[in-house]
């Protein structure tokens, strides 16, 4: 074979790898969408207008206020055993 023929074949083989659209674009992001769908319990849950059953308004408000106050005034008894253990050097 001549040098021109070999150069032509090599050029065609090199150009075959070039394309304007990579192969991954067709399925790009499909794994993320599949993971999001797998984490959704009820896809139509946002359209449900029924209120949640199990707790009334005043109890929910009191629980939310206790939760917020736990950050303002943290309970010192919860971390006391850890501090005593570290303070004794044991």
C-alpha atoms as a PDB file:
ATOM      1  CA  UNK A   1       0.000   0.000   0.000  1.00  0.00           C
ATOM      2  CA  UNK A   2       1.128   3.454  -0.632  1.00  0.00           C
ATOM      3  CA  UNK A   3       1.834   6.096   1.914  1.00  0.00           C
ATOM      4  CA  UNK A   4      -1.201   8.108   0.795  1.00  0.00           C
ATOM      5  CA  UNK A   5      -3.534   5.156   1.301  1.00  0.00           C
ATOM      6  CA  UNK A   6      -2.162   4.437   4.760  1.00  0.00           C
ATOM      7  CA  UNK A   7      -2.401   8.140   5.697  1.00  0.00           C
ATOM      8  CA  UNK A   8      -5.996   8.247   4.416  1.00  0.00           C
ATOM      9  CA  UNK A   9      -6.991   5.190   6.452  1.00  0.00           C
ATOM     10  CA  UNK A  10      -5.334   6.595   9.580  1.00  0.00           C
ATOM     11  CA  UNK A  11      -7.079   9.949   9.060  1.00  0.00           C
ATOM     12  CA  UNK A  12     -10.458   8.243   8.675  1.00  0.00           C
ATOM     13  CA  UNK A  13      -9.894   6.181  11.817  1.00  0.00           C
ATOM     14  CA  UNK A  14      -8.919   9.294  13.790  1.00  0.00           C
ATOM     15  CA  UNK A  15     -11.891  11.287  12.517  1.00  0.00           C
ATOM     16  CA  UNK A  16     -14.275   8.472  13.384  1.00  0.00           C
ATOM     17  CA  UNK A  17     -13.731   9.200  17.079  1.00  0.00           C
ATOM     18  CA  UNK A  18     -14.723  12.846  16.625  1.00  0.00           C
ATOM     19  CA  UNK A  19     -18.387  13.758  16.818  1.00  0.00           C
ATOM     20  CA  UNK A  20     -20.350  16.882  17.609  1.00  0.00           C
ATOM     21  CA  UNK A  21     -22.571  15.203  20.206  1.00  0.00           C
ATOM     22  CA  UNK A  22     -20.992  12.940  22.815  1.00  0.00           C
ATOM     23  CA  UNK A  23     -22.773   9.667  23.534  1.00  0.00           C
ATOM     24  CA  UNK A  24     -23.486  10.551  27.177  1.00  0.00           C
ATOM     25  CA  UNK A  25     -25.812  13.442  26.278  1.00  0.00           C
ATOM     26  CA  UNK A  26     -28.655  11.069  25.431  1.00  0.00           C
ATOM     27  CA  UNK A  27     -28.848   9.744  28.999  1.00  0.00           C
ATOM     28  CA  UNK A  28     -27.285  12.690  30.812  1.00  0.00           C
ATOM     29  CA  UNK A  29     -28.931  13.137  34.211  1.00  0.00           C
ATOM     30  CA  UNK A  30     -31.046   9.993  34.051  1.00  0.00           C
ATOM     31  CA  UNK A  31     -29.370   8.507  37.137  1.00  0.00           C
ATOM     32  CA  UNK A  32     -30.148  11.654  39.147  1.00  0.00           C
ATOM     33  CA  UNK A  33     -33.780  11.585  38.016  1.00  0.00           C
ATOM     34  CA  UNK A  34     -34.010   7.878  38.878  1.00  0.00           C
ATOM     35  CA  UNK A  35     -32.593   8.503  42.361  1.00  0.00           C
ATOM     36  CA  UNK A  36     -35.022  11.367  42.983  1.00  0.00           C
ATOM     37  CA  UNK A  37     -37.933   9.212  41.857  1.00  0.00           C
ATOM     38  CA  UNK A  38     -36.798   6.380  44.140  1.00  0.00           C
ATOM     39  CA  UNK A  39     -36.784   8.756  47.134  1.00  0.00           C
ATOM     40  CA  UNK A  40     -40.309  10.018  46.507  1.00  0.00           C
ATOM     41  CA  UNK A  41     -42.882   8.112  48.545  1.00  0.00           C
ATOM     42  CA  UNK A  42     -45.969   9.692  47.009  1.00  0.00           C
ATOM     43  CA  UNK A  43     -45.434  11.693  43.812  1.00  0.00           C
ATOM     44  CA  UNK A  44     -48.961  13.126  44.048  1.00  0.00           C
ATOM     45  CA  UNK A  45     -48.618  14.079  47.725  1.00  0.00           C
ATOM     46  CA  UNK A  46     -48.399  17.815  47.042  1.00  0.00           C
ATOM     47  CA  UNK A  47     -51.867  17.747  45.484  1.00  0.00           C
ATOM     48  CA  UNK A  48     -53.408  16.268  48.668  1.00  0.00           C
ATOM     49  CA  UNK A  49     -55.466  18.994  50.353  1.00  0.00           C
ATOM     50  CA  UNK A  50     -56.474  16.874  53.370  1.00  0.00           C
ATOM     51  CA  UNK A  51     -54.888  17.933  56.653  1.00  0.00           C
ATOM     52  CA  UNK A  52     -52.551  15.613  58.492  1.00  0.00           C
ATOM     53  CA  UNK A  53     -54.239  13.388  61.039  1.00  0.00           C
ATOM     54  CA  UNK A  54     -52.790  12.700  64.455  1.00  0.00           C
ATOM     55  CA  UNK A  55     -52.046  16.007  66.184  1.00  0.00           C
ATOM     56  CA  UNK A  56     -54.192  19.054  66.821  1.00  0.00           C
ATOM     57  CA  UNK A  57     -53.157  22.664  66.312  1.00  0.00           C
ATOM     58  CA  UNK A  58     -52.355  23.667  69.926  1.00  0.00           C
ATOM     59  CA  UNK A  59     -50.249  20.548  70.530  1.00  0.00           C
ATOM     60  CA  UNK A  60     -48.339  21.110  67.295  1.00  0.00           C
ATOM     61  CA  UNK A  61     -47.726  24.761  68.207  1.00  0.00           C
ATOM     62  CA  UNK A  62     -46.482  23.797  71.687  1.00  0.00           C
ATOM     63  CA  UNK A  63     -44.153  21.164  70.236  1.00  0.00           C
ATOM     64  CA  UNK A  64     -42.756  23.665  67.747  1.00  0.00           C
ATOM     65  CA  UNK A  65     -42.208  26.269  70.493  1.00  0.00           C
ATOM     66  CA  UNK A  66     -40.421  23.696  72.706  1.00  0.00           C
ATOM     67  CA  UNK A  67     -38.241  22.780  69.749  1.00  0.00           C
ATOM     68  CA  UNK A  68     -37.322  26.416  69.091  1.00  0.00           C
ATOM     69  CA  UNK A  69     -36.660  27.066  72.805  1.00  0.00           C
ATOM     70  CA  UNK A  70     -34.325  24.071  72.953  1.00  0.00           C
ATOM     71  CA  UNK A  71     -31.856  26.044  70.845  1.00  0.00           C
ATOM     72  CA  UNK A  72     -32.171  29.206  72.944  1.00  0.00           C
ATOM     73  CA  UNK A  73     -31.935  27.417  76.306  1.00  0.00           C
ATOM     74  CA  UNK A  74     -30.227  24.046  75.717  1.00  0.00           C
ATOM     75  CA  UNK A  75     -30.634  21.342  78.325  1.00  0.00           C
ATOM     76  CA  UNK A  76     -27.362  21.129  80.305  1.00  0.00           C
ATOM     77  CA  UNK A  77     -28.178  17.669  81.706  1.00  0.00           C
ATOM     78  CA  UNK A  78     -27.914  16.064  78.273  1.00  0.00           C
ATOM     79  CA  UNK A  79     -24.218  16.876  77.886  1.00  0.00           C
ATOM     80  CA  UNK A  80     -23.249  16.556  81.586  1.00  0.00           C
ATOM     81  CA  UNK A  81     -22.188  12.866  81.512  1.00  0.00           C
ATOM     82  CA  UNK A  82     -19.910  13.509  78.564  1.00  0.00           C
ATOM     83  CA  UNK A  83     -18.310  16.510  80.255  1.00  0.00           C
ATOM     84  CA  UNK A  84     -17.832  14.614  83.539  1.00  0.00           C
ATOM     85  CA  UNK A  85     -16.180  11.722  81.723  1.00  0.00           C
ATOM     86  CA  UNK A  86     -13.824  14.004  79.882  1.00  0.00           C
ATOM     87  CA  UNK A  87     -13.158  16.125  82.977  1.00  0.00           C
ATOM     88  CA  UNK A  88     -12.097  13.154  85.125  1.00  0.00           C
ATOM     89  CA  UNK A  89      -9.463  12.108  82.593  1.00  0.00           C
ATOM     90  CA  UNK A  90     -10.786   8.545  82.454  1.00  0.00           C
END
